[in-house]
Amino acid sequence: MENNFDELKNQWGWAGFMTQDRKRCQIMGRIIALVYNWWTIFMRLGIPDKHVEAVTSRPLALHGIARQTSHGNQTTVEITSTHSKAPQIVEILTKVSGFLERIKVTAEQLTQVERWKLILSAAFRSFLGGKVIGGTHRLADAPA
């Protein structure tokens, strides 16, 4: 647990602000915690076996240039990575993209809560043993 707080403090800036206004401090603390949680879930979808700290995962995943193109009713984002480990991030992002695409295909049949259960179950599959949160069946189409 100490490592998580150390990461929040030193890599996400959780201790980098101070004000007399308690409400603003709480808002900033909550925003940082929210972004940390989103990043952790996103990276867990791509690398489900371990927690990757921001100091290594952010440069790996954010060291690229993206271009969004639209044609007809389809929008595509092309990412060109300038990182030396570009093949690794390509594999991770392809895995996450494919999983989210499968969720999108079944989105009309699932409620928002059911979609979140699938996403979180896939992200934390190593802790859940492949089971879906709140269900008795196992995850079949999650990123491996």
N, C-alpha and C. Protein backbone atom coordinates (compact mmCIF):
# COMPACT_ATOMS: atom_id res chain seq x y z
N MET A 1 0.82 -1.18 0.00
CA MET A 1 0.00 0.00 0.00
C MET A 1 0.87 1.26 0.00
N GLU A 2 1.98 1.19 0.69
CA GLU A 2 2.87 2.35 0.75
C GLU A 2 3.38 2.73 -0.64
N ASN A 3 3.64 1.73 -1.49
CA ASN A 3 4.11 2.01 -2.84
C ASN A 3 3.08 2.80 -3.65
N ASN A 4 1.80 2.49 -3.46
CA ASN A 4 0.76 3.22 -4.18
C ASN A 4 0.73 4.68 -3.77
N PHE A 5 0.81 4.95 -2.46
CA PHE A 5 0.82 6.34 -2.01
C PHE A 5 2.10 7.05 -2.45
N ASP A 6 3.22 6.35 -2.44
CA ASP A 6 4.47 6.92 -2.91
C ASP A 6 4.35 7.29 -4.39
N GLU A 7 3.74 6.41 -5.18
CA GLU A 7 3.54 6.68 -6.60
C GLU A 7 2.61 7.88 -6.81
N LEU A 8 1.51 7.93 -6.05
CA LEU A 8 0.60 9.07 -6.16
C LEU A 8 1.30 10.38 -5.81
N LYS A 9 2.11 10.35 -4.80
CA LYS A 9 2.79 11.56 -4.33
C LYS A 9 3.90 11.99 -5.29
N ASN A 10 4.77 11.07 -5.66
CA ASN A 10 5.96 11.43 -6.42
C ASN A 10 5.79 11.42 -7.94
N GLN A 11 4.87 10.60 -8.46
CA GLN A 11 4.73 10.50 -9.91
C GLN A 11 3.46 11.16 -10.44
N TRP A 12 2.48 11.34 -9.59
CA TRP A 12 1.23 11.95 -10.02
C TRP A 12 1.00 13.33 -9.40
N GLY A 13 1.86 13.77 -8.51
CA GLY A 13 1.77 15.12 -7.96
C GLY A 13 0.72 15.31 -6.89
N TRP A 14 0.37 14.23 -6.17
CA TRP A 14 -0.68 14.33 -5.16
C TRP A 14 -0.28 15.25 -4.01
N ALA A 15 1.00 15.47 -3.82
CA ALA A 15 1.44 16.35 -2.74
C ALA A 15 1.98 17.67 -3.29
N GLY A 16 1.73 17.95 -4.56
CA GLY A 16 2.32 19.12 -5.19
C GLY A 16 1.49 20.38 -5.15
N PHE A 17 0.52 20.46 -4.29
CA PHE A 17 -0.29 21.68 -4.20
C PHE A 17 -0.63 21.95 -2.74
N MET A 18 -0.82 23.20 -2.42
CA MET A 18 -1.16 23.57 -1.05
C MET A 18 -1.91 24.90 -1.11
N THR A 19 -2.98 24.97 -0.39
CA THR A 19 -3.77 26.19 -0.33
C THR A 19 -4.52 26.23 0.99
N GLN A 20 -4.93 27.40 1.37
CA GLN A 20 -5.73 27.55 2.58
C GLN A 20 -7.16 27.08 2.34
N ASP A 21 -7.55 27.02 1.08
CA ASP A 21 -8.91 26.63 0.72
C ASP A 21 -9.01 25.10 0.69
N ARG A 22 -9.62 24.55 1.71
CA ARG A 22 -9.71 23.09 1.85
C ARG A 22 -10.47 22.45 0.69
N LYS A 23 -11.50 23.13 0.20
CA LYS A 23 -12.31 22.58 -0.88
C LYS A 23 -11.48 22.38 -2.16
N ARG A 24 -10.65 23.36 -2.48
CA ARG A 24 -9.79 23.23 -3.68
C ARG A 24 -8.79 22.10 -3.52
N CYS A 25 -8.23 21.95 -2.34
CA CYS A 25 -7.30 20.84 -2.09
C CYS A 25 -8.00 19.50 -2.28
N GLN A 26 -9.22 19.39 -1.77
CA GLN A 26 -9.97 18.14 -1.91
C GLN A 26 -10.29 17.87 -3.38
N ILE A 27 -10.68 18.90 -4.11
CA ILE A 27 -11.00 18.72 -5.53
C ILE A 27 -9.76 18.25 -6.30
N MET A 28 -8.61 18.90 -6.07
CA MET A 28 -7.38 18.50 -6.76
C MET A 28 -6.97 17.08 -6.37
N GLY A 29 -7.07 16.76 -5.09
CA GLY A 29 -6.75 15.40 -4.65
C GLY A 29 -7.63 14.37 -5.31
N ARG A 30 -8.92 14.67 -5.44
CA ARG A 30 -9.86 13.74 -6.07
C ARG A 30 -9.60 13.61 -7.57
N ILE A 31 -9.26 14.72 -8.22
CA ILE A 31 -8.96 14.66 -9.66
C ILE A 31 -7.73 13.79 -9.91
N ILE A 32 -6.68 14.00 -9.11
CA ILE A 32 -5.46 13.20 -9.27
C ILE A 32 -5.74 11.73 -9.01
N ALA A 33 -6.52 11.42 -7.97
CA ALA A 33 -6.87 10.03 -7.68
C ALA A 33 -7.68 9.42 -8.82
N LEU A 34 -8.59 10.20 -9.40
CA LEU A 34 -9.41 9.71 -10.51
C LEU A 34 -8.55 9.40 -11.73
N VAL A 35 -7.66 10.32 -12.08
CA VAL A 35 -6.78 10.09 -13.23
C VAL A 35 -5.87 8.89 -12.97
N TYR A 36 -5.34 8.77 -11.77
CA TYR A 36 -4.51 7.61 -11.41
C TYR A 36 -5.30 6.32 -11.58
N ASN A 37 -6.54 6.30 -11.11
CA ASN A 37 -7.36 5.10 -11.23
C ASN A 37 -7.65 4.76 -12.69
N TRP A 38 -7.99 5.76 -13.50
CA TRP A 38 -8.26 5.53 -14.92
C TRP A 38 -7.02 4.99 -15.62
N TRP A 39 -5.86 5.59 -15.32
CA TRP A 39 -4.62 5.14 -15.95
C TRP A 39 -4.30 3.70 -15.55
N THR A 40 -4.48 3.39 -14.27
CA THR A 40 -4.22 2.03 -13.79
C THR A 40 -5.11 1.02 -14.49
N ILE A 41 -6.39 1.34 -14.63
CA ILE A 41 -7.33 0.43 -15.31
C ILE A 41 -6.93 0.27 -16.77
N PHE A 42 -6.61 1.37 -17.44
CA PHE A 42 -6.22 1.33 -18.85
C PHE A 42 -4.98 0.45 -19.04
N MET A 43 -3.97 0.66 -18.21
CA MET A 43 -2.75 -0.12 -18.35
C MET A 43 -2.96 -1.58 -17.95
N ARG A 44 -3.86 -1.84 -17.01
CA ARG A 44 -4.17 -3.23 -16.62
C ARG A 44 -4.85 -3.98 -17.76
N LEU A 45 -5.61 -3.28 -18.59
CA LEU A 45 -6.22 -3.93 -19.75
C LEU A 45 -5.15 -4.41 -20.72
N GLY A 46 -4.07 -3.65 -20.85
CA GLY A 46 -2.99 -4.02 -21.77
C GLY A 46 -1.96 -4.94 -21.16
N ILE A 47 -1.70 -4.75 -19.87
CA ILE A 47 -0.71 -5.59 -19.15
C ILE A 47 -1.41 -6.11 -17.90
N PRO A 48 -2.22 -7.15 -18.02
CA PRO A 48 -3.04 -7.59 -16.89
C PRO A 48 -2.28 -8.30 -15.77
N ASP A 49 -1.07 -8.75 -16.03
CA ASP A 49 -0.35 -9.56 -15.05
C ASP A 49 0.35 -8.77 -13.95
N LYS A 50 0.55 -7.46 -14.17
CA LYS A 50 1.30 -6.71 -13.17
C LYS A 50 0.91 -5.24 -13.18
N HIS A 51 1.21 -4.59 -12.06
CA HIS A 51 1.00 -3.15 -11.94
C HIS A 51 2.23 -2.46 -12.52
N VAL A 52 2.00 -1.57 -13.47
CA VAL A 52 3.11 -0.81 -14.02
C VAL A 52 3.01 0.63 -13.51
N GLU A 53 4.10 1.10 -12.95
CA GLU A 53 4.08 2.44 -12.37
C GLU A 53 4.10 3.49 -13.47
N ALA A 54 3.60 4.67 -13.12
CA ALA A 54 3.50 5.76 -14.06
C ALA A 54 4.85 6.19 -14.61
N VAL A 55 5.89 6.07 -13.79
CA VAL A 55 7.21 6.51 -14.22
C VAL A 55 7.69 5.73 -15.45
N THR A 56 7.23 4.49 -15.62
CA THR A 56 7.60 3.71 -16.80
C THR A 56 6.47 3.64 -17.83
N SER A 57 5.23 3.55 -17.38
CA SER A 57 4.13 3.36 -18.33
C SER A 57 3.72 4.63 -19.06
N ARG A 58 3.79 5.78 -18.41
CA ARG A 58 3.40 7.02 -19.09
C ARG A 58 4.32 7.35 -20.26
N PRO A 59 5.65 7.33 -20.07
CA PRO A 59 6.50 7.60 -21.24
C PRO A 59 6.30 6.55 -22.34
N LEU A 60 6.10 5.30 -21.95
CA LEU A 60 5.91 4.24 -22.93
C LEU A 60 4.65 4.47 -23.74
N ALA A 61 3.55 4.77 -23.07
CA ALA A 61 2.26 4.89 -23.75
C ALA A 61 2.00 6.27 -24.34
N LEU A 62 2.64 7.28 -23.80
CA LEU A 62 2.35 8.64 -24.26
C LEU A 62 3.43 9.22 -25.17
N HIS A 63 4.43 8.44 -25.52
CA HIS A 63 5.54 8.91 -26.34
C HIS A 63 5.22 8.68 -27.81
N GLY A 64 4.18 9.31 -28.28
CA GLY A 64 3.79 9.12 -29.66
C GLY A 64 3.02 10.30 -30.19
N ILE A 65 2.82 10.30 -31.47
CA ILE A 65 2.06 11.35 -32.15
C ILE A 65 0.84 10.68 -32.75
N ALA A 66 -0.32 11.26 -32.48
CA ALA A 66 -1.57 10.67 -32.98
C ALA A 66 -2.20 11.57 -34.03
N ARG A 67 -2.87 10.93 -34.97
CA ARG A 67 -3.60 11.67 -36.00
C ARG A 67 -4.98 11.04 -36.13
N GLN A 68 -5.99 11.87 -36.03
CA GLN A 68 -7.37 11.40 -36.14
C GLN A 68 -7.88 11.70 -37.54
N THR A 69 -8.42 10.68 -38.18
CA THR A 69 -9.00 10.87 -39.51
C THR A 69 -10.43 10.37 -39.49
N SER A 70 -11.27 11.01 -40.27
CA SER A 70 -12.67 10.60 -40.38
C SER A 70 -13.00 10.39 -41.85
N HIS A 71 -13.70 9.32 -42.10
CA HIS A 71 -14.16 9.02 -43.45
C HIS A 71 -15.51 8.35 -43.34
N GLY A 72 -16.50 8.96 -43.93
CA GLY A 72 -17.85 8.42 -43.80
C GLY A 72 -18.31 8.53 -42.36
N ASN A 73 -18.70 7.43 -41.80
CA ASN A 73 -19.16 7.40 -40.40
C ASN A 73 -18.12 6.81 -39.46
N GLN A 74 -16.90 6.65 -39.94
CA GLN A 74 -15.87 5.99 -39.14
C GLN A 74 -14.73 6.96 -38.83
N THR A 75 -14.33 6.99 -37.56
CA THR A 75 -13.20 7.80 -37.13
C THR A 75 -12.07 6.86 -36.71
N THR A 76 -10.88 7.15 -37.21
CA THR A 76 -9.71 6.33 -36.92
C THR A 76 -8.63 7.19 -36.30
N VAL A 77 -7.95 6.64 -35.29
CA VAL A 77 -6.82 7.31 -34.68
C VAL A 77 -5.58 6.48 -35.00
N GLU A 78 -4.62 7.11 -35.67
CA GLU A 78 -3.35 6.45 -35.98
C GLU A 78 -2.28 7.02 -35.05
N ILE A 79 -1.56 6.14 -34.37
CA ILE A 79 -0.53 6.58 -33.43
C ILE A 79 0.83 6.13 -33.95
N THR A 80 1.75 7.08 -34.04
CA THR A 80 3.12 6.78 -34.41
C THR A 80 3.97 6.99 -33.17
N SER A 81 4.55 5.92 -32.67
CA SER A 81 5.35 6.00 -31.46
C SER A 81 6.80 6.29 -31.80
N THR A 82 7.40 7.18 -31.01
CA THR A 82 8.82 7.50 -31.19
C THR A 82 9.66 6.85 -30.08
N HIS A 83 9.03 6.00 -29.28
CA HIS A 83 9.71 5.35 -28.17
C HIS A 83 10.50 4.15 -28.68
N SER A 84 11.61 3.85 -28.03
CA SER A 84 12.43 2.72 -28.45
C SER A 84 11.71 1.38 -28.27
N LYS A 85 10.70 1.34 -27.39
CA LYS A 85 9.94 0.11 -27.17
C LYS A 85 8.58 0.18 -27.88
N ALA A 86 8.56 0.80 -29.05
CA ALA A 86 7.31 0.97 -29.81
C ALA A 86 6.58 -0.35 -30.06
N PRO A 87 7.27 -1.44 -30.42
CA PRO A 87 6.55 -2.70 -30.65
C PRO A 87 5.77 -3.17 -29.41
N GLN A 88 6.32 -2.94 -28.23
CA GLN A 88 5.63 -3.34 -27.00
C GLN A 88 4.35 -2.54 -26.82
N ILE A 89 4.39 -1.24 -27.04
CA ILE A 89 3.20 -0.42 -26.86
C ILE A 89 2.18 -0.70 -27.97
N VAL A 90 2.64 -1.03 -29.16
CA VAL A 90 1.72 -1.41 -30.24
C VAL A 90 0.92 -2.63 -29.82
N GLU A 91 1.60 -3.61 -29.26
CA GLU A 91 0.93 -4.82 -28.79
C GLU A 91 -0.09 -4.50 -27.69
N ILE A 92 0.30 -3.65 -26.74
CA ILE A 92 -0.59 -3.29 -25.63
C ILE A 92 -1.81 -2.54 -26.14
N LEU A 93 -1.59 -1.52 -26.97
CA LEU A 93 -2.71 -0.71 -27.46
C LEU A 93 -3.62 -1.51 -28.39
N THR A 94 -3.06 -2.41 -29.17
CA THR A 94 -3.87 -3.28 -30.04
C THR A 94 -4.76 -4.18 -29.20
N LYS A 95 -4.22 -4.72 -28.12
CA LYS A 95 -4.96 -5.57 -27.22
C LYS A 95 -6.13 -4.80 -26.58
N VAL A 96 -5.84 -3.61 -26.08
CA VAL A 96 -6.88 -2.79 -25.44
C VAL A 96 -7.93 -2.37 -26.46
N SER A 97 -7.48 -1.93 -27.63
CA SER A 97 -8.41 -1.50 -28.68
C SER A 97 -9.34 -2.62 -29.11
N GLY A 98 -8.78 -3.82 -29.30
CA GLY A 98 -9.61 -4.96 -29.69
C GLY A 98 -10.64 -5.30 -28.63
N PHE A 99 -10.24 -5.27 -27.38
CA PHE A 99 -11.18 -5.55 -26.29
C PHE A 99 -12.29 -4.52 -26.25
N LEU A 100 -11.93 -3.23 -26.32
CA LEU A 100 -12.96 -2.18 -26.28
C LEU A 100 -13.87 -2.24 -27.50
N GLU A 101 -13.33 -2.66 -28.62
CA GLU A 101 -14.16 -2.83 -29.83
C GLU A 101 -15.19 -3.95 -29.61
N ARG A 102 -14.77 -5.04 -28.97
CA ARG A 102 -15.72 -6.13 -28.67
C ARG A 102 -16.80 -5.66 -27.69
N ILE A 103 -16.41 -4.83 -26.73
CA ILE A 103 -17.40 -4.26 -25.80
C ILE A 103 -18.39 -3.39 -26.57
N LYS A 104 -17.87 -2.58 -27.49
CA LYS A 104 -18.70 -1.67 -28.28
C LYS A 104 -19.72 -2.43 -29.13
N VAL A 105 -19.30 -3.56 -29.68
CA VAL A 105 -20.20 -4.37 -30.52
C VAL A 105 -21.40 -4.86 -29.71
N THR A 106 -21.18 -5.22 -28.45
CA THR A 106 -22.27 -5.72 -27.62
C THR A 106 -22.89 -4.64 -26.75
N ALA A 107 -22.48 -3.38 -26.95
CA ALA A 107 -22.93 -2.29 -26.08
C ALA A 107 -24.44 -2.11 -26.06
N GLU A 108 -25.08 -2.33 -27.17
CA GLU A 108 -26.54 -2.15 -27.21
C GLU A 108 -27.26 -3.19 -26.36
N GLN A 109 -26.66 -4.33 -26.17
CA GLN A 109 -27.30 -5.40 -25.40
C GLN A 109 -27.01 -5.29 -23.91
N LEU A 110 -25.99 -4.52 -23.53
CA LEU A 110 -25.59 -4.43 -22.14
C LEU A 110 -25.93 -3.07 -21.56
N THR A 111 -26.19 -3.05 -20.27
CA THR A 111 -26.38 -1.77 -19.58
C THR A 111 -25.00 -1.17 -19.32
N GLN A 112 -24.98 0.08 -18.91
CA GLN A 112 -23.71 0.73 -18.60
C GLN A 112 -22.99 0.01 -17.45
N VAL A 113 -23.73 -0.42 -16.46
CA VAL A 113 -23.14 -1.14 -15.33
C VAL A 113 -22.54 -2.47 -15.80
N GLU A 114 -23.23 -3.17 -16.68
CA GLU A 114 -22.71 -4.44 -17.18
C GLU A 114 -21.43 -4.23 -18.00
N ARG A 115 -21.38 -3.15 -18.79
CA ARG A 115 -20.16 -2.86 -19.55
C ARG A 115 -19.00 -2.59 -18.61
N TRP A 116 -19.25 -1.80 -17.54
CA TRP A 116 -18.19 -1.51 -16.57
C TRP A 116 -17.73 -2.77 -15.86
N LYS A 117 -18.67 -3.66 -15.55
CA LYS A 117 -18.28 -4.91 -14.90
C LYS A 117 -17.34 -5.71 -15.80
N LEU A 118 -17.64 -5.75 -17.10
CA LEU A 118 -16.77 -6.48 -18.03
C LEU A 118 -15.39 -5.82 -18.14
N ILE A 119 -15.36 -4.50 -18.25
CA ILE A 119 -14.09 -3.78 -18.38
C ILE A 119 -13.24 -3.98 -17.13
N LEU A 120 -13.83 -3.78 -15.96
CA LEU A 120 -13.08 -3.94 -14.72
C LEU A 120 -12.68 -5.40 -14.48
N SER A 121 -13.54 -6.33 -14.86
CA SER A 121 -13.20 -7.75 -14.72
C SER A 121 -12.02 -8.11 -15.60
N ALA A 122 -11.97 -7.54 -16.81
CA ALA A 122 -10.84 -7.81 -17.70
C ALA A 122 -9.57 -7.16 -17.17
N ALA A 123 -9.69 -5.94 -16.64
CA ALA A 123 -8.52 -5.24 -16.14
C ALA A 123 -7.92 -5.94 -14.93
N PHE A 124 -8.76 -6.50 -14.09
CA PHE A 124 -8.28 -7.12 -12.85
C PHE A 124 -8.48 -8.63 -12.85
N ARG A 125 -8.36 -9.22 -14.02
CA ARG A 125 -8.60 -10.66 -14.17
C ARG A 125 -7.64 -11.51 -13.34
N SER A 126 -6.41 -11.04 -13.15
CA SER A 126 -5.46 -11.83 -12.36
C SER A 126 -5.89 -11.91 -10.90
N PHE A 127 -6.59 -10.88 -10.40
CA PHE A 127 -7.09 -10.89 -9.02
C PHE A 127 -8.40 -11.69 -8.92
N LEU A 128 -9.18 -11.66 -9.99
CA LEU A 128 -10.50 -12.29 -9.96
C LEU A 128 -10.48 -13.73 -10.49
N GLY A 129 -9.34 -14.19 -10.94
CA GLY A 129 -9.24 -15.54 -11.47
C GLY A 129 -10.05 -15.75 -12.74
N GLY A 130 -10.24 -14.66 -13.51
CA GLY A 130 -10.98 -14.77 -14.77
C GLY A 130 -12.48 -14.64 -14.62
N LYS A 131 -12.99 -14.50 -13.40
CA LYS A 131 -14.43 -14.36 -13.19
C LYS A 131 -14.88 -12.94 -13.47
N VAL A 132 -16.14 -12.80 -13.85
CA VAL A 132 -16.74 -11.49 -14.07
C VAL A 132 -17.27 -10.97 -12.74
N ILE A 133 -17.04 -9.70 -12.45
CA ILE A 133 -17.52 -9.09 -11.22
C ILE A 133 -19.04 -9.25 -11.14
N GLY A 134 -19.51 -9.76 -10.03
CA GLY A 134 -20.95 -9.92 -9.82
C GLY A 134 -21.58 -11.05 -10.60
N GLY A 135 -20.77 -11.90 -11.21
CA GLY A 135 -21.31 -13.01 -11.99
C GLY A 135 -20.64 -14.31 -11.60
N THR A 136 -21.14 -15.38 -12.17
CA THR A 136 -20.56 -16.69 -11.88
C THR A 136 -19.78 -17.24 -13.07
N HIS A 137 -19.92 -16.59 -14.24
CA HIS A 137 -19.21 -17.09 -15.43
C HIS A 137 -17.84 -16.43 -15.55
N ARG A 138 -17.03 -17.02 -16.43
CA ARG A 138 -15.65 -16.56 -16.63
C ARG A 138 -15.59 -15.64 -17.83
N LEU A 139 -14.52 -14.84 -17.87
CA LEU A 139 -14.27 -13.93 -18.96
C LEU A 139 -13.74 -14.70 -20.16
N ALA A 140 -14.39 -14.57 -21.31
CA ALA A 140 -13.93 -15.28 -22.48
C ALA A 140 -13.20 -14.36 -23.47
N ASP A 141 -13.74 -13.17 -23.70
CA ASP A 141 -13.20 -12.29 -24.72
C ASP A 141 -12.39 -11.13 -24.18
N ALA A 142 -11.75 -11.32 -23.07
CA ALA A 142 -10.93 -10.24 -22.50
C ALA A 142 -9.53 -10.31 -23.06
N PRO A 143 -8.82 -9.20 -23.00
CA PRO A 143 -7.43 -9.27 -23.46
C PRO A 143 -6.63 -10.25 -22.61
N ALA A 144 -5.80 -11.02 -23.24
CA ALA A 144 -5.02 -12.02 -22.49
C ALA A 144 -3.73 -11.45 -21.99
